[in-house]
């Protein structure tokens, strides 16, 4: 069974991932086994607030990880493409759109309060929301004494499992 989803493009292929690990650890044999797709929700808000010298009126984007519920600010809107992926490649969501919407609003308010000094409480107007998936490579080492990893297929950053 498969599903049509929006995802970011894979920028790092199997050979690039494996050769990067080979350069770091020449005696290990890392295998980029498969790609899994991690669910996120993207939100874009128009933010209005009063500050001492310049009023704030700009767009702010964030992504909410729909497995952990953690948020991150986004500098630019991600580019997506529609593809068909198998259900086995899709990581299951733990947070719904409704959950992620309230998480995103709290996250934006908290982020703004930490970064900007405002006279008024900011007014948020949600302009866009979209579920999307980010590709990650599952990478394992044939030797048992080392860790396995996931590698972000868009940025190339790796995280131990």
N, C-alpha and C. Protein backbone atom coordinates (compact mmCIF):
# COMPACT_ATOMS: atom_id res chain seq x y z
N UNK A 1 0.84 -1.18 0.00
CA UNK A 1 0.00 0.00 0.00
C UNK A 1 0.89 1.25 0.00
N UNK A 2 0.47 2.28 -0.72
CA UNK A 2 1.28 3.49 -0.81
C UNK A 2 0.40 4.72 -0.65
N UNK A 3 1.07 5.88 -0.53
CA UNK A 3 0.37 7.14 -0.35
C UNK A 3 1.07 8.22 -1.16
N UNK A 4 0.29 9.17 -1.67
CA UNK A 4 0.86 10.35 -2.33
C UNK A 4 1.08 11.41 -1.26
N UNK A 5 2.31 11.91 -1.17
CA UNK A 5 2.66 12.90 -0.14
C UNK A 5 3.51 14.00 -0.75
N UNK A 6 3.59 15.12 -0.03
CA UNK A 6 4.53 16.17 -0.39
C UNK A 6 5.81 15.93 0.39
N UNK A 7 6.93 16.00 -0.28
CA UNK A 7 8.21 15.78 0.38
C UNK A 7 9.26 16.72 -0.19
N UNK A 8 10.30 16.91 0.59
CA UNK A 8 11.46 17.64 0.08
C UNK A 8 12.29 16.67 -0.75
N UNK A 9 13.01 17.19 -1.71
CA UNK A 9 13.82 16.35 -2.59
C UNK A 9 15.02 15.79 -1.86
N UNK A 10 15.39 14.57 -2.20
CA UNK A 10 16.60 13.94 -1.67
C UNK A 10 17.78 14.58 -2.38
N UNK A 11 18.65 15.23 -1.60
CA UNK A 11 19.83 15.90 -2.16
C UNK A 11 21.09 15.04 -2.06
N UNK A 12 21.08 14.06 -1.18
CA UNK A 12 22.24 13.18 -0.98
C UNK A 12 21.82 11.75 -1.28
N UNK A 13 22.46 11.15 -2.30
CA UNK A 13 22.08 9.80 -2.69
C UNK A 13 22.87 8.75 -1.90
N UNK A 14 22.53 7.50 -2.11
CA UNK A 14 23.12 6.36 -1.39
C UNK A 14 24.66 6.37 -1.50
N UNK A 15 25.17 6.57 -2.70
CA UNK A 15 26.63 6.54 -2.91
C UNK A 15 27.32 7.68 -2.17
N UNK A 16 26.74 8.87 -2.18
CA UNK A 16 27.33 10.01 -1.47
C UNK A 16 27.38 9.76 0.04
N UNK A 17 26.31 9.21 0.58
CA UNK A 17 26.25 8.92 2.02
C UNK A 17 27.30 7.90 2.39
N UNK A 18 27.34 6.79 1.66
CA UNK A 18 28.28 5.72 1.98
C UNK A 18 29.73 6.16 1.81
N UNK A 19 30.03 6.93 0.76
CA UNK A 19 31.42 7.37 0.57
C UNK A 19 31.83 8.39 1.63
N UNK A 20 30.89 9.21 2.11
CA UNK A 20 31.22 10.17 3.19
C UNK A 20 31.60 9.43 4.46
N UNK A 21 30.83 8.41 4.81
CA UNK A 21 31.17 7.62 6.00
C UNK A 21 32.48 6.86 5.80
N UNK A 22 32.74 6.40 4.59
CA UNK A 22 33.98 5.67 4.29
C UNK A 22 35.20 6.58 4.49
N UNK A 23 35.07 7.85 4.10
CA UNK A 23 36.18 8.80 4.31
C UNK A 23 36.42 9.04 5.80
N UNK A 24 35.35 9.08 6.58
CA UNK A 24 35.50 9.29 8.03
C UNK A 24 36.03 8.05 8.74
N UNK A 25 35.57 6.90 8.32
CA UNK A 25 35.93 5.62 8.96
C UNK A 25 36.32 4.62 7.86
N UNK A 26 37.57 4.66 7.39
CA UNK A 26 37.97 3.83 6.24
C UNK A 26 37.85 2.32 6.48
N UNK A 27 37.90 1.87 7.74
CA UNK A 27 37.87 0.43 8.01
C UNK A 27 36.47 -0.07 8.32
N UNK A 28 35.50 0.80 8.29
CA UNK A 28 34.12 0.40 8.54
C UNK A 28 33.39 0.27 7.21
N UNK A 29 32.29 -0.43 7.24
CA UNK A 29 31.48 -0.60 6.04
C UNK A 29 30.05 -0.15 6.34
N UNK A 30 29.79 1.13 6.10
CA UNK A 30 28.46 1.69 6.34
C UNK A 30 27.58 1.48 5.11
N UNK A 31 26.35 1.05 5.35
CA UNK A 31 25.39 0.79 4.29
C UNK A 31 24.20 1.73 4.44
N UNK A 32 23.94 2.54 3.41
CA UNK A 32 22.73 3.36 3.39
C UNK A 32 21.62 2.45 2.89
N UNK A 33 20.89 1.91 3.84
CA UNK A 33 19.95 0.83 3.54
C UNK A 33 18.68 1.28 2.82
N UNK A 34 18.06 2.33 3.34
CA UNK A 34 16.78 2.76 2.78
C UNK A 34 16.47 4.17 3.23
N UNK A 35 15.46 4.75 2.61
CA UNK A 35 14.98 6.08 2.99
C UNK A 35 13.66 5.93 3.72
N UNK A 36 13.54 6.67 4.83
CA UNK A 36 12.25 6.80 5.52
C UNK A 36 11.84 8.26 5.44
N UNK A 37 10.55 8.50 5.54
CA UNK A 37 10.02 9.86 5.42
C UNK A 37 9.40 10.27 6.75
N UNK A 38 9.93 11.35 7.29
CA UNK A 38 9.59 11.86 8.62
C UNK A 38 8.55 12.97 8.47
N UNK A 39 7.42 12.90 9.21
CA UNK A 39 6.34 13.88 9.02
C UNK A 39 6.55 15.19 9.80
N UNK A 40 6.25 16.28 9.13
CA UNK A 40 6.29 17.62 9.72
C UNK A 40 5.05 18.39 9.27
N UNK A 41 4.74 19.45 10.00
CA UNK A 41 3.75 20.42 9.56
C UNK A 41 4.47 21.75 9.42
N UNK A 42 4.23 22.40 8.30
CA UNK A 42 4.77 23.73 8.04
C UNK A 42 3.66 24.74 8.30
N UNK A 43 4.00 25.82 8.99
CA UNK A 43 3.07 26.91 9.25
C UNK A 43 3.74 28.22 8.88
N UNK A 44 2.99 29.10 8.26
CA UNK A 44 3.47 30.44 7.96
C UNK A 44 2.48 31.42 8.58
N UNK A 45 3.01 32.35 9.37
CA UNK A 45 2.18 33.35 10.06
C UNK A 45 2.59 34.74 9.62
N UNK A 46 1.61 35.62 9.54
CA UNK A 46 1.88 37.04 9.43
C UNK A 46 1.86 37.56 10.86
N UNK A 47 2.93 38.21 11.28
CA UNK A 47 3.07 38.67 12.65
C UNK A 47 3.03 40.19 12.67
N UNK A 48 2.14 40.75 13.49
CA UNK A 48 2.06 42.20 13.68
C UNK A 48 2.25 42.49 15.16
N UNK A 49 3.09 43.47 15.45
CA UNK A 49 3.33 43.85 16.85
C UNK A 49 3.89 45.26 16.89
N UNK A 50 3.77 45.88 18.04
CA UNK A 50 4.33 47.21 18.24
C UNK A 50 5.64 47.08 18.99
N UNK A 51 6.64 47.74 18.43
CA UNK A 51 7.94 47.82 19.09
C UNK A 51 8.25 49.29 19.28
N UNK A 52 9.29 49.57 20.03
CA UNK A 52 9.60 50.95 20.38
C UNK A 52 9.83 51.85 19.17
N UNK A 53 10.63 51.43 18.21
CA UNK A 53 10.96 52.30 17.09
C UNK A 53 10.32 51.86 15.77
N UNK A 54 10.30 50.58 15.50
CA UNK A 54 9.75 50.10 14.24
C UNK A 54 8.66 49.08 14.50
N UNK A 55 7.50 49.25 13.89
CA UNK A 55 6.47 48.22 14.06
C UNK A 55 6.90 46.94 13.33
N UNK A 56 6.45 45.85 13.83
CA UNK A 56 6.77 44.56 13.22
C UNK A 56 5.58 44.12 12.39
N UNK A 57 5.82 43.81 11.14
CA UNK A 57 4.79 43.28 10.26
C UNK A 57 5.52 42.41 9.24
N UNK A 58 5.67 41.15 9.56
CA UNK A 58 6.41 40.26 8.67
C UNK A 58 5.91 38.85 8.77
N UNK A 59 6.38 38.02 7.86
CA UNK A 59 6.00 36.61 7.84
C UNK A 59 7.04 35.80 8.60
N UNK A 60 6.55 34.85 9.38
CA UNK A 60 7.42 33.96 10.14
C UNK A 60 6.95 32.54 9.88
N UNK A 61 7.90 31.68 9.54
CA UNK A 61 7.58 30.28 9.28
C UNK A 61 8.17 29.37 10.32
N UNK A 62 7.48 28.26 10.57
CA UNK A 62 8.02 27.25 11.48
C UNK A 62 7.59 25.87 11.00
N UNK A 63 8.34 24.89 11.43
CA UNK A 63 7.99 23.49 11.17
C UNK A 63 7.82 22.81 12.51
N UNK A 64 6.80 22.01 12.63
CA UNK A 64 6.56 21.23 13.84
C UNK A 64 6.74 19.76 13.48
N UNK A 65 7.63 19.10 14.18
CA UNK A 65 7.87 17.68 14.03
C UNK A 65 6.63 16.96 14.58
N UNK A 66 5.91 16.23 13.75
CA UNK A 66 4.66 15.63 14.22
C UNK A 66 4.86 14.28 14.91
N UNK A 67 6.10 13.95 15.22
CA UNK A 67 6.38 12.77 16.06
C UNK A 67 6.74 13.23 17.47
N UNK A 68 7.65 14.22 17.58
CA UNK A 68 8.08 14.69 18.90
C UNK A 68 7.32 15.93 19.37
N UNK A 69 6.71 16.67 18.44
CA UNK A 69 6.03 17.91 18.79
C UNK A 69 6.97 19.09 18.96
N UNK A 70 8.22 18.96 18.57
CA UNK A 70 9.18 20.06 18.69
C UNK A 70 9.10 20.96 17.47
N UNK A 71 9.37 22.26 17.71
CA UNK A 71 9.29 23.23 16.64
C UNK A 71 10.65 23.78 16.27
N UNK A 72 10.72 24.33 15.07
CA UNK A 72 11.91 25.05 14.63
C UNK A 72 11.48 26.17 13.69
N UNK A 73 12.18 27.30 13.81
CA UNK A 73 11.92 28.42 12.91
C UNK A 73 12.49 28.09 11.54
N UNK A 74 11.84 28.59 10.51
CA UNK A 74 12.28 28.34 9.15
C UNK A 74 12.53 29.68 8.47
N UNK A 75 13.69 29.81 7.84
CA UNK A 75 14.05 31.06 7.15
C UNK A 75 13.33 31.21 5.81
N UNK A 76 13.00 30.10 5.18
CA UNK A 76 12.35 30.15 3.87
C UNK A 76 11.37 28.99 3.76
N UNK A 77 10.40 29.16 2.91
CA UNK A 77 9.41 28.11 2.70
C UNK A 77 10.08 26.93 2.01
N UNK A 78 9.90 25.73 2.54
CA UNK A 78 10.50 24.56 1.88
C UNK A 78 9.90 24.34 0.50
N UNK A 79 10.70 23.76 -0.38
CA UNK A 79 10.21 23.37 -1.70
C UNK A 79 9.80 21.90 -1.61
N UNK A 80 8.61 21.62 -2.09
CA UNK A 80 8.09 20.25 -2.02
C UNK A 80 7.77 19.73 -3.41
N UNK A 81 7.75 18.42 -3.48
CA UNK A 81 7.25 17.77 -4.69
C UNK A 81 6.37 16.61 -4.24
N UNK A 82 5.39 16.30 -5.06
CA UNK A 82 4.48 15.20 -4.76
C UNK A 82 5.10 13.90 -5.27
N UNK A 83 5.18 12.93 -4.38
CA UNK A 83 5.67 11.60 -4.78
C UNK A 83 4.80 10.54 -4.10
N UNK A 84 4.96 9.33 -4.57
CA UNK A 84 4.26 8.20 -3.96
C UNK A 84 5.28 7.41 -3.15
N UNK A 85 4.96 7.19 -1.87
CA UNK A 85 5.85 6.39 -1.01
C UNK A 85 5.04 5.27 -0.37
N UNK A 86 5.73 4.21 0.00
CA UNK A 86 5.04 3.09 0.64
C UNK A 86 4.75 3.44 2.10
N UNK A 87 3.76 2.79 2.65
CA UNK A 87 3.40 3.02 4.07
C UNK A 87 4.57 2.63 4.98
N UNK A 88 5.39 1.67 4.57
CA UNK A 88 6.55 1.25 5.36
C UNK A 88 7.60 2.35 5.44
N UNK A 89 7.66 3.21 4.44
CA UNK A 89 8.63 4.30 4.44
C UNK A 89 8.17 5.49 5.28
N UNK A 90 6.90 5.55 5.58
CA UNK A 90 6.30 6.68 6.29
C UNK A 90 6.39 6.46 7.80
N UNK A 91 7.03 7.38 8.51
CA UNK A 91 7.05 7.31 9.96
C UNK A 91 5.67 7.74 10.47
N UNK A 92 5.13 7.04 11.47
CA UNK A 92 3.78 7.37 11.94
C UNK A 92 3.74 8.66 12.77
N UNK A 93 2.73 9.46 12.53
CA UNK A 93 2.53 10.71 13.27
C UNK A 93 2.05 10.41 14.69
N UNK A 94 2.49 11.24 15.62
CA UNK A 94 2.00 11.17 16.99
C UNK A 94 1.11 12.37 17.30
N UNK A 95 1.29 13.46 16.55
CA UNK A 95 0.53 14.69 16.77
C UNK A 95 -0.27 15.02 15.52
N UNK A 96 -1.53 15.38 15.71
CA UNK A 96 -2.42 15.72 14.60
C UNK A 96 -2.17 17.15 14.14
N UNK A 97 -2.86 17.53 13.07
CA UNK A 97 -2.79 18.91 12.59
C UNK A 97 -3.25 19.87 13.68
N UNK A 98 -4.32 19.54 14.37
CA UNK A 98 -4.83 20.42 15.44
C UNK A 98 -3.80 20.58 16.55
N UNK A 99 -3.17 19.47 16.96
CA UNK A 99 -2.13 19.53 17.99
C UNK A 99 -0.98 20.43 17.51
N UNK A 100 -0.53 20.20 16.29
CA UNK A 100 0.62 20.94 15.77
C UNK A 100 0.30 22.41 15.55
N UNK A 101 -0.96 22.73 15.26
CA UNK A 101 -1.35 24.13 15.11
C UNK A 101 -1.17 24.87 16.43
N UNK A 102 -1.67 24.30 17.53
CA UNK A 102 -1.52 24.98 18.82
C UNK A 102 -0.05 24.99 19.27
N UNK A 103 0.68 23.93 18.98
CA UNK A 103 2.12 23.90 19.30
C UNK A 103 2.84 25.00 18.53
N UNK A 104 2.48 25.17 17.25
CA UNK A 104 3.18 26.18 16.41
C UNK A 104 2.91 27.58 16.92
N UNK A 105 1.69 27.87 17.35
CA UNK A 105 1.38 29.20 17.86
C UNK A 105 2.16 29.49 19.14
N UNK A 106 2.18 28.53 20.05
CA UNK A 106 2.96 28.70 21.28
C UNK A 106 4.44 28.86 20.97
N UNK A 107 4.93 28.07 20.03
CA UNK A 107 6.34 28.13 19.65
C UNK A 107 6.69 29.50 19.06
N UNK A 108 5.83 30.02 18.18
CA UNK A 108 6.08 31.34 17.57
C UNK A 108 6.06 32.43 18.64
N UNK A 109 5.05 32.42 19.52
CA UNK A 109 4.99 33.42 20.60
C UNK A 109 6.25 33.37 21.46
N UNK A 110 6.66 32.16 21.84
CA UNK A 110 7.85 32.00 22.68
C UNK A 110 9.10 32.48 21.95
N UNK A 111 9.22 32.12 20.68
CA UNK A 111 10.40 32.52 19.90
C UNK A 111 10.47 34.03 19.74
N UNK A 112 9.32 34.65 19.46
CA UNK A 112 9.30 36.10 19.31
C UNK A 112 9.62 36.81 20.62
N UNK A 113 9.08 36.31 21.71
CA UNK A 113 9.33 36.97 23.01
C UNK A 113 10.80 36.88 23.41
N UNK A 114 11.49 35.83 23.00
CA UNK A 114 12.90 35.69 23.33
C UNK A 114 13.79 36.56 22.44
N UNK A 115 13.38 36.79 21.20
CA UNK A 115 14.25 37.47 20.25
C UNK A 115 13.96 38.96 20.08
N UNK A 116 12.72 39.37 20.34
CA UNK A 116 12.36 40.77 20.08
C UNK A 116 11.70 41.38 21.31
N UNK A 117 12.03 42.60 21.56
CA UNK A 117 11.37 43.33 22.64
C UNK A 117 10.19 44.08 22.06
N UNK A 118 8.99 43.70 22.49
CA UNK A 118 7.78 44.29 21.93
C UNK A 118 6.98 44.99 23.02
N UNK A 119 6.28 46.04 22.62
CA UNK A 119 5.42 46.77 23.55
C UNK A 119 4.07 46.06 23.65
N UNK A 120 3.61 45.49 22.55
CA UNK A 120 2.32 44.80 22.54
C UNK A 120 2.52 43.31 22.29
N UNK A 121 1.53 42.56 22.69
CA UNK A 121 1.53 41.13 22.42
C UNK A 121 1.35 40.95 20.92
N UNK A 122 2.16 40.16 20.23
CA UNK A 122 2.04 40.06 18.78
C UNK A 122 0.71 39.44 18.35
N UNK A 123 0.24 39.90 17.22
CA UNK A 123 -0.96 39.34 16.61
C UNK A 123 -0.50 38.37 15.52
N UNK A 124 -0.96 37.13 15.61
CA UNK A 124 -0.60 36.12 14.63
C UNK A 124 -1.79 35.82 13.73
N UNK A 125 -1.52 35.77 12.44
CA UNK A 125 -2.54 35.34 11.50
C UNK A 125 -1.93 34.23 10.66
N UNK A 126 -2.49 33.02 10.81
CA UNK A 126 -1.96 31.88 10.06
C UNK A 126 -2.34 32.04 8.59
N UNK A 127 -1.33 32.02 7.73
CA UNK A 127 -1.56 32.18 6.30
C UNK A 127 -1.44 30.88 5.53
N UNK A 128 -0.69 29.94 6.10
CA UNK A 128 -0.51 28.67 5.39
C UNK A 128 -0.20 27.57 6.38
N UNK A 129 -0.66 26.38 6.05
CA UNK A 129 -0.29 25.18 6.81
C UNK A 129 -0.19 24.04 5.81
N UNK A 130 0.77 23.16 6.03
CA UNK A 130 0.96 22.06 5.10
C UNK A 130 1.70 20.92 5.77
N UNK A 131 1.18 19.71 5.64
CA UNK A 131 1.95 18.55 6.10
C UNK A 131 2.92 18.19 4.98
N UNK A 132 4.15 17.88 5.38
CA UNK A 132 5.14 17.43 4.41
C UNK A 132 6.04 16.41 5.09
N UNK A 133 6.83 15.75 4.30
CA UNK A 133 7.75 14.72 4.80
C UNK A 133 9.16 15.08 4.39
N UNK A 134 10.08 14.77 5.28
CA UNK A 134 11.50 15.00 5.01
C UNK A 134 12.18 13.64 4.92
N UNK A 135 13.01 13.42 3.89
CA UNK A 135 13.64 12.11 3.72
C UNK A 135 14.89 11.95 4.60
N UNK A 136 15.01 10.78 5.18
CA UNK A 136 16.19 10.41 5.98
C UNK A 136 16.67 9.03 5.53
N UNK A 137 17.98 8.92 5.39
CA UNK A 137 18.58 7.62 5.09
C UNK A 137 18.81 6.86 6.40
N UNK A 138 18.50 5.59 6.41
CA UNK A 138 18.84 4.72 7.54
C UNK A 138 20.17 4.07 7.17
N UNK A 139 21.19 4.35 7.99
CA UNK A 139 22.55 3.90 7.70
C UNK A 139 23.02 3.01 8.84
N UNK A 140 23.52 1.83 8.50
CA UNK A 140 24.03 0.94 9.53
C UNK A 140 25.42 0.46 9.14
N UNK A 141 26.15 0.02 10.16
CA UNK A 141 27.51 -0.46 9.97
C UNK A 141 27.50 -1.97 10.10
N UNK A 142 28.19 -2.63 9.20
CA UNK A 142 28.24 -4.10 9.26
C UNK A 142 28.96 -4.60 10.50
N UNK A 143 29.82 -3.76 11.08
CA UNK A 143 30.50 -4.14 12.33
C UNK A 143 29.58 -3.84 13.50
N UNK A 144 29.47 -4.76 14.42
CA UNK A 144 28.53 -4.61 15.54
C UNK A 144 28.95 -3.58 16.58
N UNK A 145 30.25 -3.26 16.65
CA UNK A 145 30.72 -2.40 17.74
C UNK A 145 30.44 -0.91 17.51
N UNK A 146 29.90 -0.52 16.38
CA UNK A 146 29.66 0.90 16.16
C UNK A 146 28.17 1.20 16.05
N UNK A 147 27.87 2.47 16.10
CA UNK A 147 26.48 2.92 16.08
C UNK A 147 25.91 2.96 14.68
N UNK A 148 24.59 2.92 14.64
CA UNK A 148 23.86 3.14 13.40
C UNK A 148 23.41 4.60 13.38
N UNK A 149 23.04 5.10 12.21
CA UNK A 149 22.71 6.52 12.05
C UNK A 149 21.48 6.69 11.18
N UNK A 150 20.91 7.89 11.29
CA UNK A 150 20.03 8.37 10.24
C UNK A 150 20.72 9.60 9.68
N UNK A 151 20.60 9.77 8.37
CA UNK A 151 21.22 10.91 7.70
C UNK A 151 20.12 11.68 6.99
N UNK A 152 20.06 12.96 7.27
CA UNK A 152 19.08 13.84 6.65
C UNK A 152 19.37 13.88 5.14
N UNK A 153 18.41 13.44 4.35
CA UNK A 153 18.59 13.39 2.90
C UNK A 153 18.63 14.75 2.23
N UNK A 154 18.23 15.81 2.97
CA UNK A 154 18.23 17.16 2.41
C UNK A 154 19.50 17.90 2.79
N UNK A 155 19.87 17.86 4.08
CA UNK A 155 21.03 18.64 4.56
C UNK A 155 22.31 17.82 4.67
N UNK A 156 22.20 16.50 4.76
CA UNK A 156 23.37 15.65 4.94
C UNK A 156 23.82 15.51 6.38
N UNK A 157 23.13 16.14 7.31
CA UNK A 157 23.49 16.00 8.73
C UNK A 157 23.12 14.61 9.22
N UNK A 158 23.95 14.07 10.12
CA UNK A 158 23.65 12.73 10.61
C UNK A 158 23.39 12.75 12.11
N UNK A 159 22.62 11.77 12.55
CA UNK A 159 22.23 11.64 13.94
C UNK A 159 22.33 10.18 14.34
N UNK A 160 23.01 9.87 15.45
CA UNK A 160 23.10 8.48 15.89
C UNK A 160 21.73 7.96 16.34
N UNK A 161 21.52 6.69 16.12
CA UNK A 161 20.28 6.03 16.58
C UNK A 161 20.48 5.44 17.96
